[in-house]
N, C-alpha and C. Protein backbone atom coordinates (compact mmCIF):
# COMPACT_ATOMS: atom_id res chain seq x y z
N MET A 1 0.84 -1.20 0.00
CA MET A 1 0.00 0.00 0.00
C MET A 1 0.88 1.25 0.00
N THR A 2 0.41 2.25 -0.69
CA THR A 2 1.14 3.52 -0.73
C THR A 2 0.52 4.49 0.26
N ALA A 3 1.21 5.59 0.51
CA ALA A 3 0.67 6.63 1.38
C ALA A 3 -0.63 7.17 0.81
N GLN A 4 -0.72 7.23 -0.52
CA GLN A 4 -1.95 7.69 -1.17
C GLN A 4 -3.10 6.73 -0.90
N ASP A 5 -2.83 5.43 -0.95
CA ASP A 5 -3.84 4.42 -0.63
C ASP A 5 -4.30 4.59 0.82
N ASP A 6 -3.34 4.79 1.71
CA ASP A 6 -3.68 4.95 3.13
C ASP A 6 -4.59 6.16 3.33
N GLU A 7 -4.29 7.25 2.68
CA GLU A 7 -5.13 8.45 2.80
C GLU A 7 -6.52 8.22 2.21
N PHE A 8 -6.59 7.49 1.11
CA PHE A 8 -7.88 7.18 0.49
C PHE A 8 -8.77 6.40 1.46
N TRP A 9 -8.23 5.33 2.05
CA TRP A 9 -9.04 4.51 2.95
C TRP A 9 -9.30 5.21 4.27
N MET A 10 -8.37 6.06 4.72
CA MET A 10 -8.62 6.80 5.95
C MET A 10 -9.74 7.81 5.73
N ALA A 11 -9.86 8.34 4.54
CA ALA A 11 -10.97 9.25 4.24
C ALA A 11 -12.30 8.51 4.43
N ARG A 12 -12.36 7.24 4.05
CA ARG A 12 -13.57 6.45 4.26
C ARG A 12 -13.83 6.28 5.75
N ALA A 13 -12.78 6.00 6.51
CA ALA A 13 -12.93 5.85 7.96
C ALA A 13 -13.41 7.17 8.59
N LEU A 14 -12.92 8.29 8.10
CA LEU A 14 -13.37 9.59 8.61
C LEU A 14 -14.85 9.82 8.33
N THR A 15 -15.31 9.40 7.17
CA THR A 15 -16.74 9.49 6.84
C THR A 15 -17.56 8.65 7.81
N LEU A 16 -17.07 7.46 8.13
CA LEU A 16 -17.76 6.60 9.10
C LEU A 16 -17.75 7.23 10.49
N ALA A 17 -16.67 7.91 10.84
CA ALA A 17 -16.59 8.61 12.12
C ALA A 17 -17.67 9.69 12.20
N GLU A 18 -17.93 10.35 11.09
CA GLU A 18 -19.00 11.35 11.06
C GLU A 18 -20.36 10.71 11.30
N SER A 19 -20.53 9.46 10.85
CA SER A 19 -21.77 8.73 11.13
C SER A 19 -21.94 8.52 12.62
N ALA A 20 -20.85 8.20 13.29
CA ALA A 20 -20.89 8.03 14.75
C ALA A 20 -21.31 9.34 15.42
N ALA A 21 -20.68 10.43 15.01
CA ALA A 21 -21.01 11.74 15.59
C ALA A 21 -22.48 12.08 15.37
N GLY A 22 -23.00 11.74 14.19
CA GLY A 22 -24.41 11.99 13.89
C GLY A 22 -25.36 11.22 14.78
N GLU A 23 -24.88 10.14 15.37
CA GLU A 23 -25.68 9.34 16.31
C GLU A 23 -25.40 9.71 17.76
N GLY A 24 -24.57 10.75 17.97
CA GLY A 24 -24.23 11.16 19.33
C GLY A 24 -23.12 10.34 19.96
N GLU A 25 -22.44 9.53 19.15
CA GLU A 25 -21.33 8.70 19.64
C GLU A 25 -20.01 9.43 19.37
N VAL A 26 -18.98 9.08 20.13
CA VAL A 26 -17.66 9.64 19.89
C VAL A 26 -17.26 9.30 18.45
N PRO A 27 -16.83 10.30 17.67
CA PRO A 27 -16.59 10.09 16.24
C PRO A 27 -15.32 9.30 15.92
N VAL A 28 -15.47 7.99 15.89
CA VAL A 28 -14.39 7.10 15.49
C VAL A 28 -14.97 6.16 14.44
N GLY A 29 -14.24 6.02 13.33
CA GLY A 29 -14.67 5.14 12.26
C GLY A 29 -13.54 4.20 11.87
N ALA A 30 -13.93 3.03 11.34
CA ALA A 30 -12.93 2.03 10.95
C ALA A 30 -13.39 1.29 9.71
N VAL A 31 -12.42 0.91 8.89
CA VAL A 31 -12.71 0.15 7.68
C VAL A 31 -11.64 -0.94 7.54
N VAL A 32 -12.07 -2.13 7.15
CA VAL A 32 -11.16 -3.25 6.91
C VAL A 32 -11.06 -3.45 5.41
N VAL A 33 -9.83 -3.47 4.91
CA VAL A 33 -9.57 -3.58 3.48
C VAL A 33 -8.67 -4.78 3.23
N ARG A 34 -9.04 -5.56 2.22
CA ARG A 34 -8.18 -6.67 1.79
C ARG A 34 -8.22 -6.73 0.27
N ASP A 35 -7.06 -6.85 -0.33
CA ASP A 35 -6.94 -6.91 -1.79
C ASP A 35 -7.63 -5.73 -2.47
N GLY A 36 -7.49 -4.55 -1.85
CA GLY A 36 -8.02 -3.32 -2.44
C GLY A 36 -9.52 -3.15 -2.35
N GLU A 37 -10.19 -3.98 -1.55
CA GLU A 37 -11.65 -3.87 -1.40
C GLU A 37 -12.05 -3.83 0.06
N VAL A 38 -13.11 -3.08 0.34
CA VAL A 38 -13.65 -3.03 1.69
C VAL A 38 -14.31 -4.37 2.00
N ILE A 39 -13.92 -4.98 3.11
CA ILE A 39 -14.60 -6.20 3.54
C ILE A 39 -15.35 -6.00 4.85
N GLY A 40 -15.16 -4.85 5.47
CA GLY A 40 -15.89 -4.56 6.70
C GLY A 40 -15.73 -3.11 7.09
N GLU A 41 -16.74 -2.59 7.76
CA GLU A 41 -16.66 -1.22 8.25
C GLU A 41 -17.53 -1.06 9.47
N GLY A 42 -17.21 -0.05 10.26
CA GLY A 42 -17.98 0.21 11.46
C GLY A 42 -17.60 1.55 12.07
N TRP A 43 -18.38 1.95 13.03
CA TRP A 43 -18.10 3.18 13.77
C TRP A 43 -18.52 2.94 15.21
N ASN A 44 -18.13 3.86 16.07
CA ASN A 44 -18.45 3.72 17.49
C ASN A 44 -19.96 3.66 17.70
N ARG A 45 -20.40 2.67 18.50
CA ARG A 45 -21.82 2.53 18.80
C ARG A 45 -22.05 1.94 20.20
N PRO A 46 -21.16 2.16 21.15
CA PRO A 46 -21.39 1.53 22.45
C PRO A 46 -22.64 2.03 23.17
N ILE A 47 -22.96 3.30 23.01
CA ILE A 47 -24.13 3.87 23.70
C ILE A 47 -25.41 3.33 23.08
N ILE A 48 -25.55 3.45 21.78
CA ILE A 48 -26.76 3.02 21.08
C ILE A 48 -26.97 1.52 21.20
N ALA A 49 -25.88 0.76 21.09
CA ALA A 49 -25.98 -0.71 21.13
C ALA A 49 -25.98 -1.28 22.55
N HIS A 50 -25.80 -0.41 23.55
CA HIS A 50 -25.68 -0.87 24.94
C HIS A 50 -24.62 -1.96 25.02
N ASP A 51 -23.46 -1.67 24.42
CA ASP A 51 -22.40 -2.67 24.27
C ASP A 51 -21.05 -2.02 24.56
N PRO A 52 -20.43 -2.35 25.68
CA PRO A 52 -19.13 -1.75 26.00
C PRO A 52 -18.04 -2.11 25.00
N THR A 53 -18.25 -3.15 24.19
CA THR A 53 -17.27 -3.52 23.17
C THR A 53 -17.60 -2.91 21.82
N GLY A 54 -18.56 -2.01 21.76
CA GLY A 54 -19.03 -1.45 20.50
C GLY A 54 -18.14 -0.38 19.90
N HIS A 55 -16.84 -0.55 20.01
CA HIS A 55 -15.90 0.39 19.40
C HIS A 55 -15.87 0.19 17.88
N ALA A 56 -15.44 1.22 17.17
CA ALA A 56 -15.40 1.19 15.71
C ALA A 56 -14.61 0.00 15.18
N GLU A 57 -13.45 -0.26 15.78
CA GLU A 57 -12.59 -1.36 15.31
C GLU A 57 -13.30 -2.70 15.45
N VAL A 58 -13.91 -2.93 16.60
CA VAL A 58 -14.60 -4.20 16.85
C VAL A 58 -15.78 -4.35 15.90
N ASN A 59 -16.52 -3.28 15.69
CA ASN A 59 -17.66 -3.35 14.77
C ASN A 59 -17.20 -3.63 13.34
N ALA A 60 -16.10 -3.02 12.93
CA ALA A 60 -15.57 -3.27 11.58
C ALA A 60 -15.06 -4.70 11.45
N LEU A 61 -14.40 -5.21 12.49
CA LEU A 61 -13.92 -6.60 12.46
C LEU A 61 -15.09 -7.58 12.41
N ARG A 62 -16.14 -7.32 13.17
CA ARG A 62 -17.32 -8.19 13.15
C ARG A 62 -17.94 -8.22 11.76
N ASP A 63 -18.05 -7.05 11.14
CA ASP A 63 -18.62 -6.96 9.80
C ASP A 63 -17.74 -7.72 8.80
N ALA A 64 -16.44 -7.52 8.88
CA ALA A 64 -15.52 -8.20 7.96
C ALA A 64 -15.55 -9.71 8.15
N ALA A 65 -15.54 -10.16 9.39
CA ALA A 65 -15.55 -11.61 9.66
C ALA A 65 -16.84 -12.24 9.14
N ALA A 66 -17.95 -11.55 9.33
CA ALA A 66 -19.23 -12.09 8.83
C ALA A 66 -19.22 -12.18 7.31
N ARG A 67 -18.73 -11.13 6.66
CA ARG A 67 -18.68 -11.14 5.19
C ARG A 67 -17.71 -12.20 4.66
N ALA A 68 -16.57 -12.36 5.36
CA ALA A 68 -15.55 -13.31 4.92
C ALA A 68 -15.88 -14.74 5.31
N GLY A 69 -16.80 -14.89 6.27
CA GLY A 69 -17.12 -16.22 6.75
C GLY A 69 -15.98 -16.85 7.54
N ASN A 70 -15.18 -15.97 8.18
CA ASN A 70 -14.03 -16.45 8.94
C ASN A 70 -13.62 -15.36 9.92
N TYR A 71 -13.34 -15.75 11.16
CA TYR A 71 -12.91 -14.75 12.13
C TYR A 71 -11.47 -14.33 11.94
N ARG A 72 -10.73 -15.09 11.16
CA ARG A 72 -9.35 -14.73 10.84
C ARG A 72 -9.36 -13.90 9.56
N LEU A 73 -8.77 -12.75 9.64
CA LEU A 73 -8.77 -11.80 8.52
C LEU A 73 -7.35 -11.57 8.01
N SER A 74 -6.64 -12.66 7.82
CA SER A 74 -5.25 -12.59 7.36
C SER A 74 -5.13 -11.78 6.09
N GLY A 75 -4.08 -10.98 6.02
CA GLY A 75 -3.84 -10.17 4.83
C GLY A 75 -4.61 -8.87 4.78
N ALA A 76 -5.44 -8.61 5.77
CA ALA A 76 -6.27 -7.40 5.77
C ALA A 76 -5.59 -6.25 6.52
N THR A 77 -5.98 -5.05 6.14
CA THR A 77 -5.54 -3.83 6.82
C THR A 77 -6.76 -3.19 7.46
N LEU A 78 -6.61 -2.75 8.71
CA LEU A 78 -7.68 -2.01 9.38
C LEU A 78 -7.25 -0.56 9.47
N TYR A 79 -8.11 0.33 8.97
CA TYR A 79 -7.91 1.78 9.05
C TYR A 79 -8.86 2.29 10.12
N VAL A 80 -8.35 3.05 11.07
CA VAL A 80 -9.18 3.61 12.12
C VAL A 80 -8.72 5.03 12.41
N THR A 81 -9.66 5.89 12.74
CA THR A 81 -9.37 7.31 12.85
C THR A 81 -8.60 7.69 14.11
N ILE A 82 -8.52 6.79 15.09
CA ILE A 82 -7.79 7.09 16.32
C ILE A 82 -7.01 5.86 16.76
N GLU A 83 -5.93 6.08 17.43
CA GLU A 83 -5.09 5.00 17.94
C GLU A 83 -5.91 4.05 18.82
N PRO A 84 -5.83 2.76 18.56
CA PRO A 84 -6.67 1.80 19.30
C PRO A 84 -6.35 1.69 20.80
N CYS A 85 -7.37 1.28 21.53
CA CYS A 85 -7.24 0.98 22.96
C CYS A 85 -6.79 -0.48 23.12
N THR A 86 -6.59 -0.90 24.34
CA THR A 86 -6.13 -2.26 24.64
C THR A 86 -7.09 -3.31 24.09
N MET A 87 -8.38 -3.13 24.32
CA MET A 87 -9.38 -4.09 23.85
C MET A 87 -9.33 -4.24 22.34
N CYS A 88 -9.30 -3.12 21.65
CA CYS A 88 -9.33 -3.16 20.19
C CYS A 88 -8.04 -3.74 19.63
N PHE A 89 -6.91 -3.42 20.23
CA PHE A 89 -5.66 -4.01 19.77
C PHE A 89 -5.69 -5.53 19.94
N GLY A 90 -6.23 -5.99 21.05
CA GLY A 90 -6.37 -7.43 21.26
C GLY A 90 -7.24 -8.07 20.20
N ALA A 91 -8.33 -7.41 19.83
CA ALA A 91 -9.21 -7.94 18.79
C ALA A 91 -8.49 -8.01 17.45
N LEU A 92 -7.67 -7.00 17.15
CA LEU A 92 -6.90 -7.01 15.91
C LEU A 92 -5.93 -8.19 15.88
N MET A 93 -5.33 -8.48 17.02
CA MET A 93 -4.40 -9.61 17.11
C MET A 93 -5.14 -10.92 16.87
N HIS A 94 -6.28 -11.09 17.53
CA HIS A 94 -7.04 -12.34 17.39
C HIS A 94 -7.57 -12.52 15.96
N ALA A 95 -7.87 -11.42 15.29
CA ALA A 95 -8.35 -11.49 13.91
C ALA A 95 -7.20 -11.70 12.92
N ARG A 96 -5.97 -11.60 13.40
CA ARG A 96 -4.78 -11.75 12.56
C ARG A 96 -4.70 -10.68 11.47
N ILE A 97 -5.10 -9.46 11.84
CA ILE A 97 -4.96 -8.32 10.94
C ILE A 97 -3.47 -8.16 10.61
N ALA A 98 -3.16 -7.96 9.34
CA ALA A 98 -1.76 -7.84 8.92
C ALA A 98 -1.21 -6.44 9.19
N ARG A 99 -2.09 -5.45 9.04
CA ARG A 99 -1.62 -4.07 9.12
C ARG A 99 -2.68 -3.19 9.75
N LEU A 100 -2.23 -2.27 10.59
CA LEU A 100 -3.08 -1.28 11.22
C LEU A 100 -2.61 0.09 10.79
N VAL A 101 -3.56 0.92 10.35
CA VAL A 101 -3.27 2.31 10.02
C VAL A 101 -4.23 3.16 10.83
N TYR A 102 -3.68 4.08 11.63
CA TYR A 102 -4.56 4.92 12.43
C TYR A 102 -4.26 6.40 12.20
N GLY A 103 -5.25 7.21 12.55
CA GLY A 103 -5.15 8.66 12.36
C GLY A 103 -4.52 9.34 13.56
N ALA A 104 -5.35 9.90 14.42
CA ALA A 104 -4.87 10.67 15.57
C ALA A 104 -4.37 9.77 16.69
N ARG A 105 -3.37 10.26 17.39
CA ARG A 105 -2.91 9.56 18.60
C ARG A 105 -3.96 9.74 19.69
N GLU A 106 -4.00 8.78 20.61
CA GLU A 106 -4.90 8.84 21.76
C GLU A 106 -4.02 8.83 23.00
N PRO A 107 -3.68 10.02 23.52
CA PRO A 107 -2.66 10.10 24.57
C PRO A 107 -3.00 9.35 25.86
N ARG A 108 -4.26 9.18 26.17
CA ARG A 108 -4.62 8.49 27.42
C ARG A 108 -4.70 6.98 27.27
N ALA A 109 -5.35 6.52 26.22
CA ALA A 109 -5.65 5.09 26.12
C ALA A 109 -5.06 4.40 24.89
N GLY A 110 -4.36 5.14 24.03
CA GLY A 110 -3.78 4.52 22.85
C GLY A 110 -2.63 3.61 23.22
N VAL A 111 -2.65 2.39 22.70
CA VAL A 111 -1.67 1.39 23.14
C VAL A 111 -0.60 1.07 22.10
N CYS A 112 -0.65 1.72 20.95
CA CYS A 112 0.36 1.44 19.93
C CYS A 112 1.59 2.31 20.11
N GLU A 113 1.36 3.58 20.32
CA GLU A 113 2.44 4.55 20.38
C GLU A 113 2.37 5.37 21.67
N SER A 114 1.18 5.77 22.06
CA SER A 114 1.03 6.70 23.17
C SER A 114 1.34 6.12 24.54
N GLN A 115 0.93 4.89 24.79
CA GLN A 115 1.10 4.33 26.13
C GLN A 115 1.95 3.07 26.19
N LEU A 116 1.45 1.95 25.73
CA LEU A 116 2.08 0.67 26.02
C LEU A 116 3.00 0.11 24.94
N GLY A 117 2.95 0.63 23.75
CA GLY A 117 3.79 0.11 22.67
C GLY A 117 3.54 -1.37 22.40
N LEU A 118 2.28 -1.79 22.45
CA LEU A 118 1.95 -3.21 22.32
C LEU A 118 2.42 -3.85 21.01
N PRO A 119 2.40 -3.15 19.87
CA PRO A 119 2.87 -3.82 18.64
C PRO A 119 4.33 -4.26 18.71
N GLU A 120 5.11 -3.65 19.57
CA GLU A 120 6.54 -3.97 19.67
C GLU A 120 6.84 -5.05 20.70
N ARG A 121 5.85 -5.47 21.45
CA ARG A 121 6.08 -6.49 22.48
C ARG A 121 6.38 -7.83 21.84
N GLY A 122 7.31 -8.54 22.38
CA GLY A 122 7.76 -9.79 21.79
C GLY A 122 6.99 -11.02 22.21
N PHE A 123 6.01 -10.89 23.10
CA PHE A 123 5.33 -12.08 23.61
C PHE A 123 4.14 -12.53 22.78
N TYR A 124 3.78 -11.77 21.75
CA TYR A 124 2.67 -12.17 20.90
C TYR A 124 3.13 -13.19 19.86
N ASN A 125 2.21 -14.04 19.43
CA ASN A 125 2.53 -15.00 18.36
C ASN A 125 2.14 -14.46 16.98
N HIS A 126 1.75 -13.20 16.92
CA HIS A 126 1.37 -12.55 15.66
C HIS A 126 1.92 -11.13 15.69
N ARG A 127 2.33 -10.62 14.58
CA ARG A 127 2.85 -9.26 14.47
C ARG A 127 1.94 -8.46 13.54
N ILE A 128 1.68 -7.23 13.92
CA ILE A 128 0.90 -6.31 13.10
C ILE A 128 1.80 -5.15 12.70
N GLU A 129 1.86 -4.89 11.43
CA GLU A 129 2.59 -3.70 10.95
C GLU A 129 1.71 -2.49 11.27
N VAL A 130 2.29 -1.45 11.85
CA VAL A 130 1.52 -0.28 12.28
C VAL A 130 2.05 0.98 11.62
N THR A 131 1.12 1.77 11.09
CA THR A 131 1.41 3.10 10.56
C THR A 131 0.47 4.07 11.24
N GLY A 132 1.02 5.07 11.90
CA GLY A 132 0.20 6.05 12.59
C GLY A 132 0.24 7.42 11.94
N SER A 133 -0.62 8.28 12.41
CA SER A 133 -0.68 9.69 12.01
C SER A 133 -1.08 9.91 10.56
N VAL A 134 -1.91 9.03 9.99
CA VAL A 134 -2.43 9.23 8.64
C VAL A 134 -3.72 10.05 8.76
N CYS A 135 -3.74 11.21 8.14
CA CYS A 135 -4.88 12.15 8.24
C CYS A 135 -5.16 12.48 9.71
N ALA A 136 -4.10 12.57 10.49
CA ALA A 136 -4.22 12.77 11.94
C ALA A 136 -4.94 14.08 12.29
N GLU A 137 -4.65 15.14 11.58
CA GLU A 137 -5.26 16.42 11.92
C GLU A 137 -6.77 16.39 11.68
N GLN A 138 -7.21 15.79 10.58
CA GLN A 138 -8.65 15.70 10.31
C GLN A 138 -9.34 14.87 11.40
N ALA A 139 -8.73 13.77 11.79
CA ALA A 139 -9.31 12.91 12.81
C ALA A 139 -9.37 13.63 14.16
N ALA A 140 -8.29 14.32 14.50
CA ALA A 140 -8.26 15.06 15.76
C ALA A 140 -9.28 16.19 15.76
N GLN A 141 -9.45 16.84 14.61
CA GLN A 141 -10.42 17.94 14.52
C GLN A 141 -11.85 17.43 14.72
N LEU A 142 -12.16 16.27 14.16
CA LEU A 142 -13.49 15.68 14.39
C LEU A 142 -13.76 15.49 15.88
N LEU A 143 -12.76 14.98 16.57
CA LEU A 143 -12.92 14.76 18.02
C LEU A 143 -13.05 16.08 18.77
N ARG A 144 -12.21 17.05 18.44
CA ARG A 144 -12.28 18.36 19.11
C ARG A 144 -13.65 19.00 18.90
N ASP A 145 -14.13 18.99 17.66
CA ASP A 145 -15.43 19.58 17.36
C ASP A 145 -16.55 18.88 18.12
N PHE A 146 -16.50 17.55 18.16
CA PHE A 146 -17.52 16.77 18.86
C PHE A 146 -17.57 17.14 20.34
N PHE A 147 -16.42 17.14 20.99
CA PHE A 147 -16.39 17.42 22.43
C PHE A 147 -16.67 18.89 22.74
N ARG A 148 -16.30 19.78 21.84
CA ARG A 148 -16.61 21.20 22.02
C ARG A 148 -18.13 21.40 22.02
N GLN A 149 -18.84 20.73 21.14
CA GLN A 149 -20.29 20.84 21.07
C GLN A 149 -20.98 20.24 22.29
N ARG A 150 -20.36 19.26 22.90
CA ARG A 150 -20.96 18.57 24.06
C ARG A 150 -20.78 19.34 25.35
N ARG A 151 -19.85 20.29 25.37
CA ARG A 151 -19.56 21.03 26.62
C ARG A 151 -20.41 22.25 26.77
């Protein structure tokens, strides 16, 4: 994948994040891509779904696994507008996602770069290639605007 491809798919994730904001959810969107095609997408829905696991990444993985007919999504890339939390990173590992591309850093709960550096830990039996800060300013602005309106 090229940087241009990453920006193209992150733009789709940003559109999904806007769907979350339109539902009153924190604006995070995610898309799963394999072989140049979307195989799953989702956005934050924990409030509406009454589901603490209803993060954008988990919803996109569920959609992709259902479409693929397999919980293993080998060879796929997940694009998400914000750095994943511990739960979501664990889900990516279990799904065997090959690559993670995220937008804005999450200084409190992001586990790729901001806090725990989980992709670099040697105790996992699977490795995920990680690229951060793709369309980071747009993703961060969505979050700032959302929280500014709520205050």
